[in-house]
Protein backbone atom coordinates (compact mmCIF):
# COMPACT_ATOMS: atom_id res chain seq x y z
CA UNK A 1 35.49 27.35 -28.85
CA UNK A 2 33.68 24.47 -30.55
CA UNK A 3 31.25 22.11 -28.85
CA UNK A 4 32.44 18.61 -28.03
CA UNK A 5 30.72 15.38 -29.09
CA UNK A 6 28.69 13.73 -26.34
CA UNK A 7 27.62 10.13 -25.72
CA UNK A 8 24.62 9.54 -23.46
CA UNK A 9 23.60 6.29 -21.80
CA UNK A 10 19.99 7.25 -21.08
CA UNK A 11 19.18 4.51 -18.58
CA UNK A 12 16.07 3.75 -16.56
CA UNK A 13 18.12 3.86 -13.35
CA UNK A 14 21.09 6.10 -14.22
CA UNK A 15 22.19 8.62 -16.83
CA UNK A 16 25.86 8.49 -17.82
CA UNK A 17 27.39 11.14 -20.06
CA UNK A 18 30.64 10.68 -21.96
CA UNK A 19 32.40 13.71 -23.42
CA UNK A 20 34.90 13.19 -26.23
CA UNK A 21 38.39 13.80 -24.94
CA UNK A 22 37.32 13.79 -21.28
CA UNK A 23 35.72 10.37 -20.67
CA UNK A 24 32.71 9.81 -18.39
CA UNK A 25 31.95 13.17 -16.78
CA UNK A 26 28.54 12.47 -15.24
CA UNK A 27 26.89 9.47 -13.60
CA UNK A 28 23.65 10.32 -11.80
CA UNK A 29 20.32 8.61 -11.07
CA UNK A 30 17.50 9.23 -13.60
CA UNK A 31 15.27 10.91 -11.04
CA UNK A 32 13.59 14.33 -11.10
CA UNK A 33 11.85 15.93 -8.10
CA UNK A 34 9.02 18.31 -9.01
CA UNK A 35 6.54 20.45 -7.11
CA UNK A 36 3.09 19.18 -8.12
CA UNK A 37 1.43 22.55 -7.41
CA UNK A 38 3.68 24.60 -9.68
CA UNK A 39 5.20 21.87 -11.92
CA UNK A 40 8.59 23.36 -11.13
CA UNK A 41 11.66 21.10 -11.19
CA UNK A 42 13.22 21.21 -7.71
CA UNK A 43 16.08 18.73 -8.02
CA UNK A 44 17.61 16.35 -10.55
CA UNK A 45 19.85 13.29 -10.23
CA UNK A 46 21.44 12.31 -6.92
CA UNK A 47 19.81 15.18 -5.05
CA UNK A 48 16.36 14.05 -6.27
CA UNK A 49 17.10 10.38 -5.51
CA UNK A 50 17.68 11.22 -1.86
CA UNK A 51 14.10 12.56 -1.79
CA UNK A 52 12.49 9.31 -3.03
CA UNK A 53 9.94 8.16 -0.45
CA UNK A 54 10.83 11.03 1.86
CA UNK A 55 8.94 14.04 0.52
CA UNK A 56 5.82 15.95 1.59
CA UNK A 57 2.67 15.50 -0.51
CA UNK A 58 3.26 18.34 -2.97
CA UNK A 59 6.76 17.19 -3.94
CA UNK A 60 7.09 14.04 -6.05
CA UNK A 61 10.27 12.26 -7.14
CA UNK A 62 9.67 10.94 -10.67
CA UNK A 63 11.70 8.52 -12.77
CA UNK A 64 10.87 9.74 -16.29
CA UNK A 65 12.14 6.58 -17.99
CA UNK A 66 10.34 3.30 -17.58
CA UNK A 67 11.49 -0.04 -18.96
CA UNK A 68 14.17 1.63 -21.07
CA UNK A 69 11.84 4.11 -22.81
CA UNK A 70 10.59 7.62 -22.13
CA UNK A 71 7.46 7.55 -19.95
CA UNK A 72 7.34 11.31 -19.36
CA UNK A 73 8.67 13.34 -22.26
CA UNK A 74 8.75 16.82 -20.66
CA UNK A 75 10.51 15.62 -17.53
CA UNK A 76 13.08 13.62 -19.54
CA UNK A 77 13.81 16.76 -21.54
CA UNK A 78 14.14 18.83 -18.33
CA UNK A 79 16.50 16.20 -16.88
CA UNK A 80 18.73 16.09 -19.97
CA UNK A 81 18.79 19.90 -20.16
CA UNK A 82 19.80 20.10 -16.50
CA UNK A 83 22.66 17.60 -16.94
CA UNK A 84 23.96 19.22 -20.14
CA UNK A 85 23.79 22.73 -18.65
CA UNK A 86 25.60 21.47 -15.55
CA UNK A 87 28.45 20.28 -17.77
CA UNK A 88 28.43 23.52 -19.77
CA UNK A 89 29.32 21.78 -23.03
CA UNK A 90 27.85 24.12 -25.63
CA UNK A 91 30.44 26.03 -27.59
CA UNK A 92 30.07 29.65 -28.68
CA UNK A 93 29.62 28.61 -32.28
CA UNK A 94 28.30 25.09 -32.28
CA UNK A 95 25.97 22.69 -30.54
CA UNK A 96 27.35 19.26 -29.66
CA UNK A 97 26.66 16.09 -31.64
CA UNK A 98 24.94 13.57 -29.39
CA UNK A 99 24.95 9.76 -29.58
CA UNK A 100 22.21 8.15 -27.45
CA UNK A 101 21.62 4.48 -26.74
CA UNK A 102 18.24 2.77 -26.79
CA UNK A 103 16.95 -0.82 -26.28
CA UNK A 104 16.79 -3.06 -29.36
CA UNK A 105 13.01 -3.43 -29.66
CA UNK A 106 11.71 0.11 -29.20
CA UNK A 107 9.21 1.47 -31.70
CA UNK A 108 9.86 4.25 -34.21
CA UNK A 109 7.66 6.55 -32.09
CA UNK A 110 9.83 5.88 -29.03
CA UNK A 111 13.01 6.43 -31.08
CA UNK A 112 11.59 9.77 -32.26
CA UNK A 113 10.79 10.78 -28.66
CA UNK A 114 14.37 10.08 -27.52
CA UNK A 115 15.77 12.00 -30.49
CA UNK A 116 13.48 14.99 -29.91
CA UNK A 117 14.33 15.13 -26.18
CA UNK A 118 18.04 15.25 -27.06
CA UNK A 119 17.56 17.89 -29.76
CA UNK A 120 15.52 20.13 -27.45
CA UNK A 121 18.21 19.73 -24.79
CA UNK A 122 20.72 21.32 -27.13
CA UNK A 123 22.02 18.66 -29.52
CA UNK A 124 22.88 19.64 -33.08
CA UNK A 125 22.84 16.20 -34.68
CA UNK A 126 21.47 13.23 -32.77
CA UNK A 127 22.46 9.65 -33.50
CA UNK A 128 20.68 6.62 -32.01
CA UNK A 129 22.42 3.32 -31.47
CA UNK A 130 21.25 0.02 -30.01
CA UNK A 131 22.34 -0.57 -26.44
CA UNK A 132 23.78 -4.12 -26.55
CA UNK A 133 25.95 -3.18 -29.53
CA UNK A 134 27.39 -0.14 -27.74
CA UNK A 135 27.79 -2.16 -24.52
CA UNK A 136 29.76 -4.83 -26.40
CA UNK A 137 32.09 -2.19 -27.86
CA UNK A 138 32.52 -0.60 -24.41
CA UNK A 139 33.34 -4.02 -22.93
CA UNK A 140 36.24 -4.30 -25.37
CA UNK A 141 34.72 -6.78 -27.85
CA UNK A 142 35.76 -6.45 -31.47
CA UNK A 143 32.34 -6.73 -33.09
CA UNK A 144 33.49 -5.60 -36.54
CA UNK A 145 35.10 -8.99 -37.36
CA UNK A 146 33.15 -11.84 -39.03
CA UNK A 147 32.87 -13.81 -35.79
CA UNK A 148 30.16 -14.21 -33.15
CA UNK A 149 30.10 -12.16 -29.95
CA UNK A 150 27.31 -12.43 -27.40
CA UNK A 151 26.47 -9.76 -24.86
CA UNK A 152 23.87 -9.71 -22.07
CA UNK A 153 23.27 -6.12 -20.90
CA UNK A 154 21.22 -6.12 -17.66
CA UNK A 155 20.17 -2.55 -16.90
CA UNK A 156 17.61 -0.99 -14.59
CA UNK A 157 14.54 -1.29 -16.82
CA UNK A 158 15.48 -3.74 -19.58
CA UNK A 159 17.80 -6.65 -20.26
CA UNK A 160 19.16 -6.58 -23.80
CA UNK A 161 20.67 -9.77 -25.19
CA UNK A 162 22.37 -9.81 -28.58
CA UNK A 163 24.68 -11.82 -30.81
CA UNK A 164 26.84 -9.54 -32.93
CA UNK A 165 29.01 -10.04 -35.99
CA UNK A 166 30.44 -7.73 -38.67
CA UNK A 167 29.53 -4.65 -36.62
CA UNK A 168 25.82 -5.37 -36.42
CA UNK A 169 23.22 -7.36 -34.50
CA UNK A 170 22.46 -10.86 -35.86
CA UNK A 171 19.88 -11.99 -33.29
CA UNK A 172 18.63 -10.03 -30.30
CA UNK A 173 16.00 -9.88 -27.61
CA UNK A 174 15.01 -7.10 -25.22
CA UNK A 175 12.92 -7.93 -22.16
CA UNK A 176 11.46 -5.71 -19.47
CA UNK A 177 13.05 -7.73 -16.67
CA UNK A 178 16.04 -6.13 -14.98
CA UNK A 179 17.34 -4.41 -11.83
CA UNK A 180 14.13 -2.54 -10.95
CA UNK A 181 12.04 -5.72 -11.15
CA UNK A 182 14.54 -7.49 -8.85
CA UNK A 183 14.00 -4.72 -6.26
CA UNK A 184 10.22 -5.10 -6.51
CA UNK A 185 10.46 -8.90 -6.10
CA UNK A 186 12.56 -8.45 -2.94
CA UNK A 187 10.12 -5.82 -1.63
CA UNK A 188 7.15 -8.13 -2.24
CA UNK A 189 8.92 -11.10 -0.66
CA UNK A 190 9.60 -9.15 2.57
CA UNK A 191 5.99 -7.95 2.59
CA UNK A 192 4.64 -11.47 2.06
CA UNK A 193 6.93 -13.39 4.43
CA UNK A 194 7.46 -10.87 7.23
CA UNK A 195 4.38 -8.62 6.91
CA UNK A 196 6.84 -5.74 6.76
CA UNK A 197 6.66 -2.81 4.36
CA UNK A 198 10.00 -1.53 3.05
CA UNK A 199 10.90 1.07 0.43
CA UNK A 200 12.60 0.53 -2.93
CA UNK A 201 15.88 1.93 -1.64
CA UNK A 202 15.96 -0.66 1.16
CA UNK A 203 15.15 -3.41 -1.36
CA UNK A 204 18.05 -2.23 -3.51
CA UNK A 205 20.36 -2.27 -0.48
CA UNK A 206 19.37 -5.91 0.22
CA UNK A 207 20.06 -6.76 -3.46
CA UNK A 208 23.54 -5.24 -3.34
CA UNK A 209 24.64 -6.41 0.11
CA UNK A 210 23.27 -9.94 0.54
CA UNK A 211 21.42 -11.13 -2.59
CA UNK A 212 22.62 -14.02 -4.74
CA UNK A 213 20.93 -15.88 -7.60
CA UNK A 214 23.11 -19.00 -7.49
CA UNK A 215 22.06 -21.42 -4.72
CA UNK A 216 24.63 -21.65 -1.93
CA UNK A 217 27.00 -19.10 -3.48
CA UNK A 218 26.67 -16.55 -0.67
CA UNK A 219 25.75 -16.71 2.99
CA UNK A 220 25.32 -13.26 4.46
CA UNK A 221 22.68 -11.43 6.43
CA UNK A 222 21.44 -7.87 6.83
CA UNK A 223 19.25 -6.09 9.36
CA UNK A 224 16.54 -4.00 7.73
CA UNK A 225 13.90 -1.67 9.10
CA UNK A 226 10.41 -1.10 7.84
CA UNK A 227 6.81 -0.61 8.90
CA UNK A 228 4.95 -3.56 10.40
CA UNK A 229 1.76 -4.13 8.38
CA UNK A 230 -0.10 -5.47 11.42
CA UNK A 231 0.78 -2.94 14.12
CA UNK A 232 1.75 -0.02 11.85
CA UNK A 233 4.89 0.50 13.96
CA UNK A 234 8.56 0.42 12.88
CA UNK A 235 10.23 -3.00 13.17
CA UNK A 236 13.67 -4.51 12.43
CA UNK A 237 14.20 -7.94 10.87
CA UNK A 238 17.20 -9.98 9.66
CA UNK A 239 17.26 -11.23 6.07
CA UNK A 240 19.62 -13.93 4.73
CA UNK A 241 21.10 -14.53 1.25
CA UNK A 242 19.33 -17.90 0.84
CA UNK A 243 15.91 -16.23 1.20
CA UNK A 244 16.68 -13.62 -1.46
CA UNK A 245 17.90 -16.36 -3.82
CA UNK A 246 14.41 -17.90 -3.58
CA UNK A 247 12.74 -14.49 -4.07
CA UNK A 248 14.74 -13.81 -7.24
CA UNK A 249 14.42 -17.26 -8.83
CA UNK A 250 11.48 -16.40 -11.11
CA UNK A 251 12.70 -13.06 -12.52
CA UNK A 252 16.18 -14.45 -13.17
CA UNK A 253 14.67 -17.49 -14.94
CA UNK A 254 13.05 -15.05 -17.41
CA UNK A 255 16.51 -13.66 -18.31
CA UNK A 256 17.95 -17.19 -18.67
CA UNK A 257 15.08 -18.17 -21.01
CA UNK A 258 15.56 -15.04 -23.14
CA UNK A 259 19.32 -15.79 -23.45
CA UNK A 260 18.54 -19.38 -24.47
CA UNK A 261 16.05 -18.08 -27.04
CA UNK A 262 18.69 -15.82 -28.62
CA UNK A 263 21.20 -18.69 -28.76
CA UNK A 264 18.61 -20.97 -30.37
CA UNK A 265 18.11 -18.45 -33.19
CA UNK A 266 21.84 -17.94 -33.75
CA UNK A 267 23.46 -19.43 -36.90
CA UNK A 268 25.61 -22.50 -36.00
CA UNK A 269 28.92 -20.93 -37.12
CA UNK A 270 28.40 -18.02 -34.74
CA UNK A 271 27.31 -20.38 -31.94
CA UNK A 272 30.68 -22.12 -32.26
CA UNK A 273 32.45 -18.75 -31.81
CA UNK A 274 30.42 -18.04 -28.66
CA UNK A 275 31.56 -21.36 -27.11
CA UNK A 276 35.17 -20.20 -27.66
CA UNK A 277 34.75 -16.56 -26.65
CA UNK A 278 32.04 -16.85 -24.02
CA UNK A 279 29.24 -14.44 -23.16
CA UNK A 280 30.00 -10.98 -21.77
CA UNK A 281 27.77 -9.53 -19.04
CA UNK A 282 27.38 -5.73 -18.87
CA UNK A 283 25.11 -3.24 -17.07
CA UNK A 284 24.48 -2.83 -13.35
CA UNK A 285 22.68 -6.20 -13.22
CA UNK A 286 25.96 -7.94 -14.07
CA UNK A 287 27.02 -7.13 -10.50
CA UNK A 288 24.17 -9.23 -9.07
CA UNK A 289 25.96 -11.95 -7.12
CA UNK A 290 26.01 -15.36 -8.86
CA UNK A 291 24.39 -14.25 -12.13
CA UNK A 292 27.52 -15.25 -14.10
CA UNK A 293 27.63 -18.72 -12.50
CA UNK A 294 23.92 -19.27 -13.12
CA UNK A 295 24.08 -18.26 -16.80
CA UNK A 296 27.24 -20.35 -17.37
CA UNK A 297 25.50 -23.42 -15.92
CA UNK A 298 22.26 -22.89 -17.86
CA UNK A 299 23.74 -21.87 -21.24
CA UNK A 300 26.70 -24.31 -21.14
CA UNK A 301 29.11 -21.60 -22.34
CA UNK A 302 31.70 -19.51 -20.44
CA UNK A 303 30.21 -16.30 -18.96
CA UNK A 304 32.44 -13.34 -18.08
CA UNK A 305 31.60 -10.06 -16.36
CA UNK A 306 32.92 -6.97 -18.18
CA UNK A 307 35.59 -4.92 -16.40
CA UNK A 308 33.38 -1.92 -15.56
CA UNK A 309 29.90 -3.30 -16.32
CA UNK A 310 28.06 -0.12 -15.23
CA UNK A 311 30.14 2.06 -17.56
CA UNK A 312 30.27 -0.17 -20.68
CA UNK A 313 27.51 1.63 -22.59
CA UNK A 314 28.94 5.09 -21.86
CA UNK A 315 32.48 3.98 -22.79
CA UNK A 316 31.05 2.40 -25.95
CA UNK A 317 29.40 5.68 -26.96
CA UNK A 318 32.82 7.32 -26.66
CA UNK A 319 34.45 4.75 -28.95
CA UNK A 320 31.58 5.11 -31.44
CA UNK A 321 31.89 8.91 -31.44
CA UNK A 322 35.51 8.46 -32.54
CA UNK A 323 34.26 6.23 -35.38
CA UNK A 324 31.04 8.10 -36.15
CA UNK A 325 31.45 7.27 -39.87
CA UNK A 326 30.86 3.59 -39.02
CA UNK A 327 27.44 4.32 -37.48
CA UNK A 328 24.90 3.06 -40.06
CA UNK A 329 23.12 5.83 -41.95
CA UNK A 330 19.74 4.52 -40.71
CA UNK A 331 20.62 5.83 -37.27
CA UNK A 332 20.75 9.46 -38.41
CA UNK A 333 16.97 9.70 -38.11
């Protein structure tokens, strides 16, 4: 029994694992709950996420990845080990080859940390590949032709924007403005306008159920509960889509500017291809209501949302594992 090749989308918000021949076999939040007194890992993934904001003092729910990079090495390693053991992928004779995705602008030290965490979790050979490239492949773009493809991958911690041609990145930008920052902006808006304290999970619920970033594109409301900052007692309020659009204006403008910056640095021939083919949106942030309309209006090019935006990077790792010979040798670090 030989080990199978594995592709890992090591995201700030979620970890997705793709196993060659099986497809995506795991999709869980990147959260680890540990006991502060003993440093023992109590829960990982979905089970740990349910504990966020609801634990006694000695138990903390930690997200070991911040802004697309490893913030806590030991806990990232424990999380990866837990997920790989859960899948029971090691063969009797061999360890699996692992392909991991990382943002475009991480340092060599951060690349080394990701590689080491994967090796210690049981990988034989670890390949690193840049996220927007893998996302583009997973979204069905043929990036190995001499024509321009543009992808905007909005994750939990980073937004990666890239123009690709001939199987590699021509111009790219990675910014620390993505899903998590949207949640914080919503949380701060509710605190400022209503003097009500809510948790990150409630902020995320608002983002999914009523938020929009294109003025007038959605008109819905949601009742949310939180703690009144004046009285200290629980209180319920109603929030509308139009309010959240205002709250998210600034962070979304940062993404629009970064996309414009990448287009401005793109060679004219490739720019012409992008007008024909459009821009593909991937990552969980692609599901943010109105983001495609806003980018299309600002960039003056067609903007399309990938079929399964959340899964694009994981699907892309699977396709790359089948063509591992095409992965540039520089990624075998």
